[in-house]
């Protein structure tokens, strides 16, 4: 593989690296993989009537219990309007409820409903399917190495994000 090619989504196929991305072939690949992963997740989540990102909100609520909307915004690292729209859709579907926080009536507390709690096993199943499809052909050692490397990349990007925020 020469410097202007990189692996594509199709196994063994190489695609041309755009000239503007010559200095960042890994960043280009990460962008493509992230987009494809989100598209695959969307297809799986559609079975449950969820949109990408909503499962991350639910995972947080399942793991930690009720949370302030502002804490969910911070945790997800998304724009407040995006999280508000996610929560509105989840609320309309009956999966969450939003209430005034008893400790601070100006804050909004979000909690999973019984309907939302029933999604847990299905979301976990879909997440495992996504993992298996995404990492097909990689052995346990390669999966562990990929996880370690992505953790380093995430830490680097978190550091940059913290400096620019």
Protein backbone atom coordinates (compact mmCIF):
# COMPACT_ATOMS: atom_id res chain seq x y z
CA UNK A 1 0.00 0.00 0.00
CA UNK A 2 1.52 3.33 -0.96
CA UNK A 3 1.16 6.61 0.91
CA UNK A 4 -1.88 7.71 -1.13
CA UNK A 5 -3.92 4.59 -0.37
CA UNK A 6 -5.54 3.33 2.76
CA UNK A 7 -7.79 0.39 3.61
CA UNK A 8 -11.46 0.94 2.83
CA UNK A 9 -14.60 -0.55 4.33
CA UNK A 10 -14.42 -3.48 1.91
CA UNK A 11 -11.87 -6.08 3.01
CA UNK A 12 -8.72 -5.96 0.94
CA UNK A 13 -9.90 -2.97 -1.10
CA UNK A 14 -7.87 0.22 -1.12
CA UNK A 15 -9.26 3.66 -1.78
CA UNK A 16 -7.40 6.77 -2.81
CA UNK A 17 -6.55 9.14 -0.01
CA UNK A 18 -7.61 12.68 -0.91
CA UNK A 19 -4.68 15.04 -1.38
CA UNK A 20 -5.86 17.26 1.48
CA UNK A 21 -5.75 14.24 3.83
CA UNK A 22 -2.17 13.21 2.94
CA UNK A 23 -0.91 14.50 6.28
CA UNK A 24 -3.61 12.65 8.22
CA UNK A 25 -4.37 9.21 6.80
CA UNK A 26 -5.32 7.82 10.23
CA UNK A 27 -7.63 10.76 10.91
CA UNK A 28 -9.25 10.21 7.53
CA UNK A 29 -9.72 6.51 8.26
CA UNK A 30 -11.13 7.26 11.73
CA UNK A 31 -13.66 9.68 10.23
CA UNK A 32 -14.82 7.09 7.69
CA UNK A 33 -14.99 4.30 10.28
CA UNK A 34 -16.90 6.50 12.74
CA UNK A 35 -19.44 7.41 10.05
CA UNK A 36 -19.90 3.78 9.00
CA UNK A 37 -20.17 2.63 12.62
CA UNK A 38 -22.87 5.23 13.31
CA UNK A 39 -24.76 4.16 10.16
CA UNK A 40 -24.61 0.49 11.21
CA UNK A 41 -25.74 1.42 14.73
CA UNK A 42 -28.64 3.41 13.30
CA UNK A 43 -29.83 0.39 11.36
CA UNK A 44 -29.78 -1.81 14.45
CA UNK A 45 -31.31 0.79 16.77
CA UNK A 46 -34.13 1.43 14.32
CA UNK A 47 -35.50 -2.02 15.34
CA UNK A 48 -36.16 -0.53 18.79
CA UNK A 49 -37.42 2.83 17.54
CA UNK A 50 -34.25 4.56 18.75
CA UNK A 51 -31.92 6.98 17.00
CA UNK A 52 -28.11 6.92 17.35
CA UNK A 53 -27.03 8.57 20.57
CA UNK A 54 -30.28 7.84 22.39
CA UNK A 55 -28.90 4.49 23.49
CA UNK A 56 -25.96 6.32 25.11
CA UNK A 57 -28.40 8.47 27.10
CA UNK A 58 -30.25 5.34 28.18
CA UNK A 59 -26.99 3.55 29.08
CA UNK A 60 -26.09 6.43 31.37
CA UNK A 61 -29.48 6.37 33.05
CA UNK A 62 -29.41 2.58 33.44
CA UNK A 63 -25.92 2.69 34.91
CA UNK A 64 -26.21 5.69 37.22
CA UNK A 65 -29.93 6.27 37.70
CA UNK A 66 -31.66 9.64 37.34
CA UNK A 67 -29.41 12.49 36.21
CA UNK A 68 -29.68 16.20 35.67
CA UNK A 69 -30.11 17.10 32.03
CA UNK A 70 -27.06 19.37 32.30
CA UNK A 71 -24.97 16.41 33.52
CA UNK A 72 -26.11 14.29 30.56
CA UNK A 73 -25.13 17.11 28.20
CA UNK A 74 -21.67 17.27 29.77
CA UNK A 75 -21.26 13.48 29.82
CA UNK A 76 -22.24 13.06 26.18
CA UNK A 77 -20.22 16.07 25.04
CA UNK A 78 -23.04 17.21 22.79
CA UNK A 79 -24.73 20.52 22.14
CA UNK A 80 -27.53 21.20 24.65
CA UNK A 81 -30.11 21.50 21.85
CA UNK A 82 -29.13 18.06 20.51
CA UNK A 83 -29.56 16.43 23.93
CA UNK A 84 -32.85 18.30 24.47
CA UNK A 85 -34.17 16.94 21.17
CA UNK A 86 -32.99 13.41 22.07
CA UNK A 87 -34.73 13.62 25.43
CA UNK A 88 -37.93 15.00 23.88
CA UNK A 89 -38.06 12.03 21.50
CA UNK A 90 -37.29 9.55 24.29
CA UNK A 91 -39.96 11.17 26.45
CA UNK A 92 -42.53 11.06 23.63
CA UNK A 93 -41.75 7.36 23.18
CA UNK A 94 -42.30 6.84 26.91
CA UNK A 95 -38.71 5.78 27.69
CA UNK A 96 -37.75 8.70 29.97
CA UNK A 97 -39.47 11.30 32.06
CA UNK A 98 -38.20 14.78 32.87
CA UNK A 99 -39.06 16.39 36.19
CA UNK A 100 -37.93 19.40 38.17
CA UNK A 101 -34.97 18.42 40.35
CA UNK A 102 -36.19 18.47 43.98
CA UNK A 103 -32.76 19.76 45.06
CA UNK A 104 -32.89 22.66 42.56
CA UNK A 105 -36.24 23.40 40.95
CA UNK A 106 -34.47 25.26 38.11
CA UNK A 107 -32.72 22.05 37.02
CA UNK A 108 -34.33 19.20 35.09
CA UNK A 109 -33.93 15.64 36.31
CA UNK A 110 -34.14 12.82 33.75
CA UNK A 111 -34.99 9.24 34.66
CA UNK A 112 -35.71 6.06 32.76
CA UNK A 113 -39.31 4.84 32.86
CA UNK A 114 -40.34 1.19 33.05
CA UNK A 115 -40.57 1.24 29.25
CA UNK A 116 -37.03 2.58 29.05
CA UNK A 117 -35.78 -0.03 31.51
CA UNK A 118 -37.23 -2.77 29.28
CA UNK A 119 -34.93 -1.61 26.46
CA UNK A 120 -31.77 -2.49 28.38
CA UNK A 121 -31.46 -6.14 27.28
CA UNK A 122 -32.29 -5.32 23.67
CA UNK A 123 -29.81 -2.44 23.51
CA UNK A 124 -27.14 -4.69 25.06
CA UNK A 125 -27.90 -7.36 22.43
CA UNK A 126 -27.74 -4.85 19.57
CA UNK A 127 -24.51 -3.36 20.94
CA UNK A 128 -22.96 -6.87 20.99
CA UNK A 129 -24.12 -7.47 17.41
CA UNK A 130 -22.56 -4.18 16.34
CA UNK A 131 -19.30 -5.14 18.07
CA UNK A 132 -19.23 -8.56 16.40
CA UNK A 133 -19.96 -7.11 12.95
CA UNK A 134 -17.46 -4.27 13.37
CA UNK A 135 -14.63 -6.50 14.56
CA UNK A 136 -15.27 -9.60 12.45
CA UNK A 137 -11.97 -11.24 11.52
CA UNK A 138 -10.05 -9.73 14.43
CA UNK A 139 -8.76 -12.11 17.07
CA UNK A 140 -8.93 -11.45 20.81
CA UNK A 141 -5.39 -9.99 20.92
CA UNK A 142 -6.12 -7.66 17.98
CA UNK A 143 -9.37 -6.54 19.59
CA UNK A 144 -7.56 -5.78 22.84
CA UNK A 145 -4.81 -3.91 20.97
CA UNK A 146 -7.39 -1.88 19.03
CA UNK A 147 -9.20 -1.02 22.26
CA UNK A 148 -5.92 0.10 23.84
CA UNK A 149 -4.97 2.23 20.84
CA UNK A 150 -8.41 3.82 20.60
CA UNK A 151 -8.19 4.59 24.32
CA UNK A 152 -4.95 6.47 23.70
CA UNK A 153 -6.48 8.37 20.78
CA UNK A 154 -9.50 9.24 22.93
CA UNK A 155 -7.27 10.48 25.76
CA UNK A 156 -5.32 12.64 23.30
CA UNK A 157 -8.51 14.13 21.89
CA UNK A 158 -9.99 14.66 25.37
CA UNK A 159 -6.85 16.60 26.30
CA UNK A 160 -7.17 18.76 23.20
CA UNK A 161 -10.87 19.32 23.79
CA UNK A 162 -10.23 20.36 27.39
CA UNK A 163 -7.58 22.87 26.28
CA UNK A 164 -9.83 24.46 23.65
CA UNK A 165 -13.05 24.52 25.71
